[in-house]
Amino acid sequence: MITKENISFHELIGLNAAIVKSNNKQKVGFVGKIVDETKYMFTLRTGSCIKKIPKGTARWKFDFNGQTATVEGSELISRPYERIGMKT
């Protein structure tokens, strides 16, 4: 089960995400659903657009199970299958 404490070690595709801080100020406030993930990038569906955003340049807010968690993008830089196998 995903919790605030262990979200960094779970599958993130399908979660709603928002950028709350970024090196690129134009990306702050983007909200969407994660539809794909690579080692360094998230692909977000924001309305009718698809946006690819580097993980490490932003602070991310995730909504899940009625909870919200904020995570530094640098904590998420790894391939999804590598991150899922890590221990908390």
C-alpha atoms as a PDB file:
ATOM      1  CA  MET A   1       0.000   0.000   0.000  1.00  0.00           C
ATOM      2  CA  ILE A   2       1.285   3.444  -0.888  1.00  0.00           C
ATOM      3  CA  THR A   3       1.874   5.819   2.026  1.00  0.00           C
ATOM      4  CA  LYS A   4       3.557   9.203   2.352  1.00  0.00           C
ATOM      5  CA  GLU A   5       6.619   7.495   3.801  1.00  0.00           C
ATOM      6  CA  ASN A   6       7.138   4.941   1.027  1.00  0.00           C
ATOM      7  CA  ILE A   7       5.769   6.594  -2.121  1.00  0.00           C
ATOM      8  CA  SER A   8       9.313   6.958  -3.499  1.00  0.00           C
ATOM      9  CA  PHE A   9       9.502   3.162  -3.780  1.00  0.00           C
ATOM     10  CA  HIS A  10       6.202   2.519  -5.582  1.00  0.00           C
ATOM     11  CA  GLU A  11       4.806   2.533  -9.090  1.00  0.00           C
ATOM     12  CA  LEU A  12       3.865   6.115  -9.962  1.00  0.00           C
ATOM     13  CA  ILE A  13       2.230   5.616 -13.364  1.00  0.00           C
ATOM     14  CA  GLY A  14      -1.461   6.396 -13.020  1.00  0.00           C
ATOM     15  CA  LEU A  15      -1.073   8.802 -10.098  1.00  0.00           C
ATOM     16  CA  ASN A  16      -2.114  12.433 -10.289  1.00  0.00           C
ATOM     17  CA  ALA A  17       0.902  14.697  -9.940  1.00  0.00           C
ATOM     18  CA  ALA A  18       1.619  18.402  -9.731  1.00  0.00           C
ATOM     19  CA  ILE A  19       4.832  20.385  -9.914  1.00  0.00           C
ATOM     20  CA  VAL A  20       5.091  22.592  -6.833  1.00  0.00           C
ATOM     21  CA  LYS A  21       8.659  23.851  -7.383  1.00  0.00           C
ATOM     22  CA  SER A  22      10.942  23.748 -10.411  1.00  0.00           C
ATOM     23  CA  ASN A  23      14.145  25.183 -11.824  1.00  0.00           C
ATOM     24  CA  ASN A  24      11.952  26.184 -14.782  1.00  0.00           C
ATOM     25  CA  LYS A  25       9.340  28.554 -13.333  1.00  0.00           C
ATOM     26  CA  GLN A  26       7.075  27.999 -16.362  1.00  0.00           C
ATOM     27  CA  LYS A  27       6.522  24.393 -15.272  1.00  0.00           C
ATOM     28  CA  VAL A  28       5.373  25.233 -11.735  1.00  0.00           C
ATOM     29  CA  GLY A  29       1.678  24.486 -11.450  1.00  0.00           C
ATOM     30  CA  PHE A  30       1.512  21.786 -14.147  1.00  0.00           C
ATOM     31  CA  VAL A  31      -1.010  19.187 -13.016  1.00  0.00           C
ATOM     32  CA  GLY A  32      -1.747  15.893 -14.683  1.00  0.00           C
ATOM     33  CA  LYS A  33      -1.731  12.129 -14.597  1.00  0.00           C
ATOM     34  CA  ILE A  34       1.560  10.268 -14.984  1.00  0.00           C
ATOM     35  CA  VAL A  35       1.192   8.133 -18.110  1.00  0.00           C
ATOM     36  CA  ASP A  36       4.822   7.050 -18.563  1.00  0.00           C
ATOM     37  CA  GLU A  37       8.116   7.134 -16.721  1.00  0.00           C
ATOM     38  CA  THR A  38      11.772   6.675 -17.612  1.00  0.00           C
ATOM     39  CA  LYS A  39      14.860   6.983 -15.457  1.00  0.00           C
ATOM     40  CA  TYR A  40      14.960  10.772 -15.747  1.00  0.00           C
ATOM     41  CA  MET A  41      11.526  11.826 -17.059  1.00  0.00           C
ATOM     42  CA  PHE A  42       7.830  11.727 -16.257  1.00  0.00           C
ATOM     43  CA  THR A  43       5.271  11.973 -19.033  1.00  0.00           C
ATOM     44  CA  LEU A  44       2.167  13.817 -17.817  1.00  0.00           C
ATOM     45  CA  ARG A  45      -1.220  14.035 -19.484  1.00  0.00           C
ATOM     46  CA  THR A  46      -2.428  17.549 -18.706  1.00  0.00           C
ATOM     47  CA  GLY A  47      -5.886  17.901 -20.178  1.00  0.00           C
ATOM     48  CA  SER A  48      -5.464  17.234 -23.891  1.00  0.00           C
ATOM     49  CA  CYS A  49      -1.658  17.727 -23.875  1.00  0.00           C
ATOM     50  CA  ILE A  50       1.199  15.350 -23.154  1.00  0.00           C
ATOM     51  CA  LYS A  51       4.217  16.916 -21.439  1.00  0.00           C
ATOM     52  CA  LYS A  52       7.609  15.346 -20.712  1.00  0.00           C
ATOM     53  CA  ILE A  53       9.194  16.789 -17.605  1.00  0.00           C
ATOM     54  CA  PRO A  54      12.564  15.923 -16.044  1.00  0.00           C
ATOM     55  CA  LYS A  55      12.151  14.386 -12.598  1.00  0.00           C
ATOM     56  CA  GLY A  56      15.230  15.918 -11.006  1.00  0.00           C
ATOM     57  CA  THR A  57      14.453  19.562 -11.726  1.00  0.00           C
ATOM     58  CA  ALA A  58      11.198  19.675  -9.771  1.00  0.00           C
ATOM     59  CA  ARG A  59       9.495  19.028  -6.463  1.00  0.00           C
ATOM     60  CA  TRP A  60       6.450  16.830  -7.092  1.00  0.00           C
ATOM     61  CA  LYS A  61       3.149  16.517  -5.265  1.00  0.00           C
ATOM     62  CA  PHE A  62       1.314  13.205  -5.674  1.00  0.00           C
ATOM     63  CA  ASP A  63      -2.329  12.484  -4.817  1.00  0.00           C
ATOM     64  CA  PHE A  64      -3.246   8.907  -3.888  1.00  0.00           C
ATOM     65  CA  ASN A  65      -5.783   7.137  -1.670  1.00  0.00           C
ATOM     66  CA  GLY A  66      -7.091  10.477  -0.382  1.00  0.00           C
ATOM     67  CA  GLN A  67      -3.583  11.504   0.712  1.00  0.00           C
ATOM     68  CA  THR A  68      -0.995  13.914  -0.641  1.00  0.00           C
ATOM     69  CA  ALA A  69       2.788  13.540  -0.575  1.00  0.00           C
ATOM     70  CA  THR A  70       5.490  15.930  -1.741  1.00  0.00           C
ATOM     71  CA  VAL A  71       8.766  14.429  -2.978  1.00  0.00           C
ATOM     72  CA  GLU A  72      11.967  15.957  -4.324  1.00  0.00           C
ATOM     73  CA  GLY A  73      12.486  14.800  -7.890  1.00  0.00           C
ATOM     74  CA  SER A  74      16.080  13.834  -7.144  1.00  0.00           C
ATOM     75  CA  GLU A  75      14.730  11.051  -4.887  1.00  0.00           C
ATOM     76  CA  LEU A  76      12.841   9.578  -7.854  1.00  0.00           C
ATOM     77  CA  ILE A  77      15.715   9.393 -10.348  1.00  0.00           C
ATOM     78  CA  SER A  78      15.942   5.721 -11.211  1.00  0.00           C
ATOM     79  CA  ARG A  79      14.198   3.345 -13.517  1.00  0.00           C
ATOM     80  CA  PRO A  80      10.749   2.443 -12.203  1.00  0.00           C
ATOM     81  CA  TYR A  81      11.584  -1.247 -11.775  1.00  0.00           C
ATOM     82  CA  GLU A  82      14.789  -0.387  -9.881  1.00  0.00           C
ATOM     83  CA  ARG A  83      12.998   1.991  -7.523  1.00  0.00           C
ATOM     84  CA  ILE A  84      10.217  -0.497  -6.805  1.00  0.00           C
ATOM     85  CA  GLY A  85      12.773  -3.104  -5.711  1.00  0.00           C
ATOM     86  CA  MET A  86      14.503  -0.763  -3.245  1.00  0.00           C
ATOM     87  CA  LYS A  87      13.920  -1.117   0.474  1.00  0.00           C
ATOM     88  CA  THR A  88      12.438   1.693   2.539  1.00  0.00           C
END
